[in-house]
Amino acid sequence: MSKALNGNFTSKDQARNVRDDLIGSGIPQENIYIEEEARVIRVMIPTEERREIEEIFDRHGVTY
């Protein structure tokens, strides 16, 4: 079952870096949504991948 994990970013560069890191870790690009106005990055993932996404968010200073 997939769930959304949302993170709040502070700059467009930070969001791009997170997206690139997520794609590099094997998350399909179509599962990553960036809402620039709300400054939210949303990742649709299976529950068992949550820890990996949290580690990427932590590495880039994204709060969730």
PDB file of N, CA and C in Angstrom:
ATOM      1  N   MET A   1       0.830  -1.178   0.000  1.00  0.00           N
ATOM      2  CA  MET A   1       0.000   0.000   0.000  1.00  0.00           C
ATOM      3  C   MET A   1       0.876   1.244   0.000  1.00  0.00           C
ATOM      4  N   SER A   2       0.550   2.210  -0.841  1.00  0.00           N
ATOM      5  CA  SER A   2       1.327   3.441  -0.936  1.00  0.00           C
ATOM      6  C   SER A   2       0.753   4.512  -0.023  1.00  0.00           C
ATOM      7  N   LYS A   3       1.650   5.324   0.499  1.00  0.00           N
ATOM      8  CA  LYS A   3       1.280   6.464   1.329  1.00  0.00           C
ATOM      9  C   LYS A   3       2.095   7.648   0.859  1.00  0.00           C
ATOM     10  N   ALA A   4       1.617   8.835   1.177  1.00  0.00           N
ATOM     11  CA  ALA A   4       2.359  10.051   0.851  1.00  0.00           C
ATOM     12  C   ALA A   4       3.190  10.470   2.063  1.00  0.00           C
ATOM     13  N   LEU A   5       4.413  10.859   1.782  1.00  0.00           N
ATOM     14  CA  LEU A   5       5.265  11.458   2.808  1.00  0.00           C
ATOM     15  C   LEU A   5       5.548  12.871   2.329  1.00  0.00           C
ATOM     16  N   ASN A   6       5.166  13.861   3.124  1.00  0.00           N
ATOM     17  CA  ASN A   6       5.338  15.265   2.761  1.00  0.00           C
ATOM     18  C   ASN A   6       6.514  15.859   3.519  1.00  0.00           C
ATOM     19  N   GLY A   7       7.249  16.708   2.827  1.00  0.00           N
ATOM     20  CA  GLY A   7       8.335  17.440   3.454  1.00  0.00           C
ATOM     21  C   GLY A   7       8.257  18.902   3.066  1.00  0.00           C
ATOM     22  N   ASN A   8       8.668  19.779   3.959  1.00  0.00           N
ATOM     23  CA  ASN A   8       8.666  21.221   3.703  1.00  0.00           C
ATOM     24  C   ASN A   8      10.081  21.666   3.369  1.00  0.00           C
ATOM     25  N   PHE A   9      10.235  22.349   2.232  1.00  0.00           N
ATOM     26  CA  PHE A   9      11.544  22.833   1.832  1.00  0.00           C
ATOM     27  C   PHE A   9      11.584  24.355   1.899  1.00  0.00           C
ATOM     28  N   THR A  10      12.800  24.913   1.870  1.00  0.00           N
ATOM     29  CA  THR A  10      12.942  26.362   2.001  1.00  0.00           C
ATOM     30  C   THR A  10      13.360  27.044   0.709  1.00  0.00           C
ATOM     31  N   SER A  11      13.887  26.288  -0.261  1.00  0.00           N
ATOM     32  CA  SER A  11      14.304  26.897  -1.525  1.00  0.00           C
ATOM     33  C   SER A  11      14.077  25.921  -2.682  1.00  0.00           C
ATOM     34  N   LYS A  12      13.992  26.476  -3.885  1.00  0.00           N
ATOM     35  CA  LYS A  12      13.821  25.640  -5.074  1.00  0.00           C
ATOM     36  C   LYS A  12      15.023  24.726  -5.269  1.00  0.00           C
ATOM     37  N   ASP A  13      16.218  25.235  -4.985  1.00  0.00           N
ATOM     38  CA  ASP A  13      17.420  24.397  -5.116  1.00  0.00           C
ATOM     39  C   ASP A  13      17.358  23.206  -4.168  1.00  0.00           C
ATOM     40  N   GLN A  14      16.921  23.436  -2.950  1.00  0.00           N
ATOM     41  CA  GLN A  14      16.797  22.348  -1.978  1.00  0.00           C
ATOM     42  C   GLN A  14      15.806  21.304  -2.497  1.00  0.00           C
ATOM     43  N   ALA A  15      14.676  21.748  -3.035  1.00  0.00           N
ATOM     44  CA  ALA A  15      13.677  20.820  -3.572  1.00  0.00           C
ATOM     45  C   ALA A  15      14.237  20.028  -4.745  1.00  0.00           C
ATOM     46  N   ARG A  16      14.963  20.697  -5.645  1.00  0.00           N
ATOM     47  CA  ARG A  16      15.569  20.000  -6.787  1.00  0.00           C
ATOM     48  C   ARG A  16      16.589  18.960  -6.331  1.00  0.00           C
ATOM     49  N   ASN A  17      17.397  19.317  -5.349  1.00  0.00           N
ATOM     50  CA  ASN A  17      18.406  18.381  -4.843  1.00  0.00           C
ATOM     51  C   ASN A  17      17.755  17.156  -4.211  1.00  0.00           C
ATOM     52  N   VAL A  18      16.678  17.378  -3.458  1.00  0.00           N
ATOM     53  CA  VAL A  18      15.949  16.269  -2.845  1.00  0.00           C
ATOM     54  C   VAL A  18      15.363  15.381  -3.943  1.00  0.00           C
ATOM     55  N   ARG A  19      14.716  15.994  -4.940  1.00  0.00           N
ATOM     56  CA  ARG A  19      14.131  15.229  -6.046  1.00  0.00           C
ATOM     57  C   ARG A  19      15.202  14.391  -6.757  1.00  0.00           C
ATOM     58  N   ASP A  20      16.348  14.996  -7.046  1.00  0.00           N
ATOM     59  CA  ASP A  20      17.428  14.265  -7.713  1.00  0.00           C
ATOM     60  C   ASP A  20      17.918  13.096  -6.872  1.00  0.00           C
ATOM     61  N   ASP A  21      18.044  13.314  -5.566  1.00  0.00           N
ATOM     62  CA  ASP A  21      18.481  12.255  -4.655  1.00  0.00           C
ATOM     63  C   ASP A  21      17.446  11.126  -4.582  1.00  0.00           C
ATOM     64  N   LEU A  22      16.163  11.500  -4.553  1.00  0.00           N
ATOM     65  CA  LEU A  22      15.098  10.492  -4.527  1.00  0.00           C
ATOM     66  C   LEU A  22      15.116   9.654  -5.804  1.00  0.00           C
ATOM     67  N   ILE A  23      15.249  10.303  -6.948  1.00  0.00           N
ATOM     68  CA  ILE A  23      15.306   9.588  -8.222  1.00  0.00           C
ATOM     69  C   ILE A  23      16.538   8.688  -8.259  1.00  0.00           C
ATOM     70  N   GLY A  24      17.663   9.196  -7.757  1.00  0.00           N
ATOM     71  CA  GLY A  24      18.887   8.403  -7.703  1.00  0.00           C
ATOM     72  C   GLY A  24      18.768   7.180  -6.811  1.00  0.00           C
ATOM     73  N   SER A  25      17.878   7.240  -5.826  1.00  0.00           N
ATOM     74  CA  SER A  25      17.697   6.096  -4.927  1.00  0.00           C
ATOM     75  C   SER A  25      16.663   5.105  -5.457  1.00  0.00           C
ATOM     76  N   GLY A  26      16.093   5.408  -6.642  1.00  0.00           N
ATOM     77  CA  GLY A  26      15.175   4.458  -7.258  1.00  0.00           C
ATOM     78  C   GLY A  26      13.703   4.811  -7.173  1.00  0.00           C
ATOM     79  N   ILE A  27      13.372   5.979  -6.622  1.00  0.00           N
ATOM     80  CA  ILE A  27      11.970   6.400  -6.567  1.00  0.00           C
ATOM     81  C   ILE A  27      11.587   6.905  -7.961  1.00  0.00           C
ATOM     82  N   PRO A  28      10.521   6.380  -8.557  1.00  0.00           N
ATOM     83  CA  PRO A  28      10.109   6.850  -9.885  1.00  0.00           C
ATOM     84  C   PRO A  28       9.735   8.333  -9.869  1.00  0.00           C
ATOM     85  N   GLN A  29      10.146   9.050 -10.889  1.00  0.00           N
ATOM     86  CA  GLN A  29       9.887  10.485 -10.971  1.00  0.00           C
ATOM     87  C   GLN A  29       8.404  10.811 -10.876  1.00  0.00           C
ATOM     88  N   GLU A  30       7.552   9.939 -11.403  1.00  0.00           N
ATOM     89  CA  GLU A  30       6.113  10.209 -11.362  1.00  0.00           C
ATOM     90  C   GLU A  30       5.524  10.077  -9.952  1.00  0.00           C
ATOM     91  N   ASN A  31       6.309   9.615  -8.984  1.00  0.00           N
ATOM     92  CA  ASN A  31       5.857   9.510  -7.593  1.00  0.00           C
ATOM     93  C   ASN A  31       6.299  10.702  -6.746  1.00  0.00           C
ATOM     94  N   ILE A  32       6.943  11.672  -7.368  1.00  0.00           N
ATOM     95  CA  ILE A  32       7.476  12.838  -6.652  1.00  0.00           C
ATOM     96  C   ILE A  32       6.752  14.087  -7.148  1.00  0.00           C
ATOM     97  N   TYR A  33       6.150  14.812  -6.219  1.00  0.00           N
ATOM     98  CA  TYR A  33       5.407  16.025  -6.558  1.00  0.00           C
ATOM     99  C   TYR A  33       5.978  17.191  -5.761  1.00  0.00           C
ATOM    100  N   ILE A  34       6.288  18.280  -6.457  1.00  0.00           N
ATOM    101  CA  ILE A  34       6.793  19.476  -5.789  1.00  0.00           C
ATOM    102  C   ILE A  34       5.760  20.582  -5.962  1.00  0.00           C
ATOM    103  N   GLU A  35       5.274  21.087  -4.853  1.00  0.00           N
ATOM    104  CA  GLU A  35       4.328  22.204  -4.849  1.00  0.00           C
ATOM    105  C   GLU A  35       5.104  23.440  -4.416  1.00  0.00           C
ATOM    106  N   GLU A  36       5.579  24.195  -5.407  1.00  0.00           N
ATOM    107  CA  GLU A  36       6.459  25.331  -5.114  1.00  0.00           C
ATOM    108  C   GLU A  36       5.792  26.406  -4.269  1.00  0.00           C
ATOM    109  N   GLU A  37       4.532  26.722  -4.560  1.00  0.00           N
ATOM    110  CA  GLU A  37       3.853  27.778  -3.814  1.00  0.00           C
ATOM    111  C   GLU A  37       3.707  27.420  -2.335  1.00  0.00           C
ATOM    112  N   ALA A  38       3.372  26.172  -2.052  1.00  0.00           N
ATOM    113  CA  ALA A  38       3.207  25.712  -0.671  1.00  0.00           C
ATOM    114  C   ALA A  38       4.537  25.270  -0.058  1.00  0.00           C
ATOM    115  N   ARG A  39       5.583  25.170  -0.890  1.00  0.00           N
ATOM    116  CA  ARG A  39       6.917  24.714  -0.463  1.00  0.00           C
ATOM    117  C   ARG A  39       6.860  23.319   0.160  1.00  0.00           C
ATOM    118  N   VAL A  40       6.173  22.420  -0.554  1.00  0.00           N
ATOM    119  CA  VAL A  40       6.005  21.045  -0.086  1.00  0.00           C
ATOM    120  C   VAL A  40       6.472  20.089  -1.176  1.00  0.00           C
ATOM    121  N   ILE A  41       7.217  19.087  -0.770  1.00  0.00           N
ATOM    122  CA  ILE A  41       7.562  17.994  -1.662  1.00  0.00           C
ATOM    123  C   ILE A  41       6.848  16.754  -1.139  1.00  0.00           C
ATOM    124  N   ARG A  42       6.097  16.094  -2.031  1.00  0.00           N
ATOM    125  CA  ARG A  42       5.288  14.932  -1.648  1.00  0.00           C
ATOM    126  C   ARG A  42       5.816  13.725  -2.418  1.00  0.00           C
ATOM    127  N   VAL A  43       6.038  12.643  -1.696  1.00  0.00           N
ATOM    128  CA  VAL A  43       6.542  11.414  -2.297  1.00  0.00           C
ATOM    129  C   VAL A  43       5.551  10.292  -2.000  1.00  0.00           C
ATOM    130  N   MET A  44       5.057   9.668  -3.052  1.00  0.00           N
ATOM    131  CA  MET A  44       4.162   8.514  -2.905  1.00  0.00           C
ATOM    132  C   MET A  44       5.039   7.267  -2.867  1.00  0.00           C
ATOM    133  N   ILE A  45       4.997   6.559  -1.735  1.00  0.00           N
ATOM    134  CA  ILE A  45       5.885   5.417  -1.533  1.00  0.00           C
ATOM    135  C   ILE A  45       5.166   4.282  -0.827  1.00  0.00           C
ATOM    136  N   PRO A  46       5.671   3.063  -1.040  1.00  0.00           N
ATOM    137  CA  PRO A  46       5.191   1.956  -0.200  1.00  0.00           C
ATOM    138  C   PRO A  46       5.641   2.204   1.238  1.00  0.00           C
ATOM    139  N   THR A  47       4.862   1.781   2.182  1.00  0.00           N
ATOM    140  CA  THR A  47       5.138   2.018   3.598  1.00  0.00           C
ATOM    141  C   THR A  47       6.543   1.570   3.996  1.00  0.00           C
ATOM    142  N   GLU A  48       7.024   0.463   3.458  1.00  0.00           N
ATOM    143  CA  GLU A  48       8.331  -0.064   3.856  1.00  0.00           C
ATOM    144  C   GLU A  48       9.500   0.799   3.392  1.00  0.00           C
ATOM    145  N   GLU A  49       9.287   1.761   2.489  1.00  0.00           N
ATOM    146  CA  GLU A  49      10.368   2.634   2.021  1.00  0.00           C
ATOM    147  C   GLU A  49      10.423   3.957   2.778  1.00  0.00           C
ATOM    148  N   ARG A  50       9.548   4.145   3.741  1.00  0.00           N
ATOM    149  CA  ARG A  50       9.465   5.421   4.456  1.00  0.00           C
ATOM    150  C   ARG A  50      10.800   5.824   5.089  1.00  0.00           C
ATOM    151  N   ARG A  51      11.464   4.902   5.720  1.00  0.00           N
ATOM    152  CA  ARG A  51      12.721   5.209   6.423  1.00  0.00           C
ATOM    153  C   ARG A  51      13.772   5.782   5.462  1.00  0.00           C
ATOM    154  N   GLU A  52      13.878   5.199   4.279  1.00  0.00           N
ATOM    155  CA  GLU A  52      14.848   5.668   3.282  1.00  0.00           C
ATOM    156  C   GLU A  52      14.541   7.106   2.854  1.00  0.00           C
ATOM    157  N   ILE A  53      13.269   7.420   2.655  1.00  0.00           N
ATOM    158  CA  ILE A  53      12.874   8.765   2.255  1.00  0.00           C
ATOM    159  C   ILE A  53      13.138   9.749   3.390  1.00  0.00           C
ATOM    160  N   GLU A  54      12.852   9.362   4.619  1.00  0.00           N
ATOM    161  CA  GLU A  54      13.133  10.227   5.768  1.00  0.00           C
ATOM    162  C   GLU A  54      14.628  10.532   5.862  1.00  0.00           C
ATOM    163  N   GLU A  55      15.477   9.564   5.583  1.00  0.00           N
ATOM    164  CA  GLU A  55      16.924   9.786   5.615  1.00  0.00           C
ATOM    165  C   GLU A  55      17.345  10.795   4.548  1.00  0.00           C
ATOM    166  N   ILE A  56      16.751  10.713   3.361  1.00  0.00           N
ATOM    167  CA  ILE A  56      17.060  11.677   2.301  1.00  0.00           C
ATOM    168  C   ILE A  56      16.577  13.065   2.707  1.00  0.00           C
ATOM    169  N   PHE A  57      15.366  13.167   3.249  1.00  0.00           N
ATOM    170  CA  PHE A  57      14.865  14.461   3.728  1.00  0.00           C
ATOM    171  C   PHE A  57      15.802  15.023   4.802  1.00  0.00           C
ATOM    172  N   ASP A  58      16.218  14.200   5.743  1.00  0.00           N
ATOM    173  CA  ASP A  58      17.121  14.650   6.804  1.00  0.00           C
ATOM    174  C   ASP A  58      18.433  15.166   6.231  1.00  0.00           C
ATOM    175  N   ARG A  59      18.972  14.451   5.282  1.00  0.00           N
ATOM    176  CA  ARG A  59      20.258  14.814   4.677  1.00  0.00           C
ATOM    177  C   ARG A  59      20.188  16.199   4.034  1.00  0.00           C
ATOM    178  N   HIS A  60      19.016  16.578   3.514  1.00  0.00           N
ATOM    179  CA  HIS A  60      18.862  17.860   2.828  1.00  0.00           C
ATOM    180  C   HIS A  60      18.174  18.920   3.695  1.00  0.00           C
ATOM    181  N   GLY A  61      17.904  18.611   4.955  1.00  0.00           N
ATOM    182  CA  GLY A  61      17.316  19.585   5.863  1.00  0.00           C
ATOM    183  C   GLY A  61      15.841  19.862   5.616  1.00  0.00           C
ATOM    184  N   VAL A  62      15.139  18.900   4.995  1.00  0.00           N
ATOM    185  CA  VAL A  62      13.711  19.027   4.754  1.00  0.00           C
ATOM    186  C   VAL A  62      12.965  18.506   5.980  1.00  0.00           C
ATOM    187  N   THR A  63      12.008  19.295   6.467  1.00  0.00           N
ATOM    188  CA  THR A  63      11.225  18.863   7.636  1.00  0.00           C
ATOM    189  C   THR A  63       9.991  18.097   7.180  1.00  0.00           C
ATOM    190  N   TYR A  64       9.591  17.120   7.976  1.00  0.00           N
ATOM    191  CA  TYR A  64       8.412  16.305   7.623  1.00  0.00           C
ATOM    192  C   TYR A  64       7.600  16.004   8.846  1.00  0.00           C
TER     193      TYR A  64
END
